[in-house]
């Protein structure tokens, strides 16, 4: 189970803990991932994703899941999100 946002690809970063004595030890910066259910207006059903909190704010800002996926880069999406994006595009083309 990877710690990666399914919509933006945001993942774990690494860095150093630096003590007062300037000792450095390696550490990991984990993304703030949440399990959310997002509704697609075009398809009329909901999908569950593991997304970062910052991504959730971006989805709301762009106007929902459909608008977010329309602008999203294909190489950042998970296979599950990519399938939802293609289903939305097919539904819009059919209308």
Protein backbone atom coordinates (compact mmCIF):
# COMPACT_ATOMS: atom_id res chain seq x y z
CA UNK A 1 0.00 0.00 0.00
CA UNK A 2 1.89 3.05 -1.22
CA UNK A 3 1.66 6.44 0.40
CA UNK A 4 0.81 8.29 -2.78
CA UNK A 5 -2.09 10.54 -3.75
CA UNK A 6 -4.14 8.86 -6.49
CA UNK A 7 -5.03 12.14 -8.23
CA UNK A 8 -1.83 14.21 -8.10
CA UNK A 9 0.89 11.65 -7.47
CA UNK A 10 2.15 13.47 -4.37
CA UNK A 11 4.25 11.04 -2.33
CA UNK A 12 6.78 10.68 0.46
CA UNK A 13 9.70 13.13 0.66
CA UNK A 14 12.90 12.57 2.62
CA UNK A 15 15.07 14.94 4.58
CA UNK A 16 16.97 15.34 7.84
CA UNK A 17 16.07 15.84 11.46
CA UNK A 18 18.54 18.46 12.65
CA UNK A 19 19.18 18.63 16.39
CA UNK A 20 20.30 21.64 18.40
CA UNK A 21 23.83 20.15 18.27
CA UNK A 22 23.48 20.04 14.44
CA UNK A 23 23.34 16.22 14.34
CA UNK A 24 21.54 15.03 11.24
CA UNK A 25 19.44 11.87 11.00
CA UNK A 26 17.30 10.85 8.05
CA UNK A 27 13.53 11.19 8.23
CA UNK A 28 10.46 10.91 6.00
CA UNK A 29 7.86 13.57 5.31
CA UNK A 30 4.56 11.73 4.73
CA UNK A 31 1.70 13.28 2.73
CA UNK A 32 -1.58 13.95 4.56
CA UNK A 33 -3.61 11.20 2.86
CA UNK A 34 -7.34 10.74 3.42
CA UNK A 35 -9.82 8.18 2.12
CA UNK A 36 -12.56 10.18 0.41
CA UNK A 37 -15.57 9.46 -1.79
CA UNK A 38 -15.97 11.88 -4.69
CA UNK A 39 -19.09 12.17 -6.85
CA UNK A 40 -18.92 12.38 -10.64
CA UNK A 41 -21.69 14.59 -12.05
CA UNK A 42 -21.29 13.21 -15.57
CA UNK A 43 -21.42 9.53 -14.63
CA UNK A 44 -23.85 9.99 -11.74
CA UNK A 45 -21.95 7.78 -9.32
CA UNK A 46 -19.30 8.09 -6.65
CA UNK A 47 -15.72 6.85 -6.50
CA UNK A 48 -13.43 6.34 -3.52
CA UNK A 49 -9.85 7.56 -3.69
CA UNK A 50 -6.91 8.01 -1.34
CA UNK A 51 -6.00 11.69 -1.81
CA UNK A 52 -3.93 14.33 -0.05
CA UNK A 53 -5.75 17.08 1.82
CA UNK A 54 -4.24 19.67 -0.52
CA UNK A 55 -5.61 17.74 -3.50
CA UNK A 56 -9.07 17.74 -1.99
CA UNK A 57 -8.96 21.54 -1.77
CA UNK A 58 -7.84 21.69 -5.42
CA UNK A 59 -10.71 19.43 -6.51
CA UNK A 60 -13.18 21.75 -4.76
CA UNK A 61 -11.51 24.83 -6.28
CA UNK A 62 -11.70 23.48 -9.84
CA UNK A 63 -15.39 22.61 -9.48
CA UNK A 64 -15.53 18.91 -8.69
CA UNK A 65 -14.06 15.60 -9.76
CA UNK A 66 -15.03 15.90 -13.44
CA UNK A 67 -13.40 19.31 -13.88
CA UNK A 68 -10.30 18.22 -11.97
CA UNK A 69 -9.79 15.09 -14.06
CA UNK A 70 -10.33 17.04 -17.29
CA UNK A 71 -7.27 19.17 -16.49
CA UNK A 72 -5.20 16.45 -14.77
CA UNK A 73 -2.03 15.12 -16.40
CA UNK A 74 -2.25 11.46 -17.38
CA UNK A 75 1.17 10.54 -15.94
CA UNK A 76 0.20 11.75 -12.42
CA UNK A 77 -3.03 9.74 -12.14
CA UNK A 78 -3.29 6.25 -10.67
CA UNK A 79 -4.67 3.51 -12.95
CA UNK A 80 -8.01 3.70 -11.11
CA UNK A 81 -8.27 7.47 -11.57
CA UNK A 82 -7.19 7.15 -15.21
CA UNK A 83 -10.04 4.72 -15.86
CA UNK A 84 -12.52 7.16 -14.28
CA UNK A 85 -11.12 9.97 -16.46
CA UNK A 86 -11.57 7.90 -19.63
CA UNK A 87 -15.13 6.91 -18.61
CA UNK A 88 -16.01 10.58 -18.09
CA UNK A 89 -14.53 11.52 -21.48
CA UNK A 90 -16.52 8.74 -23.18
CA UNK A 91 -19.74 9.86 -21.48
CA UNK A 92 -19.17 13.48 -22.53
CA UNK A 93 -18.41 12.43 -26.13
CA UNK A 94 -21.59 10.36 -26.26
CA UNK A 95 -23.71 13.36 -25.23
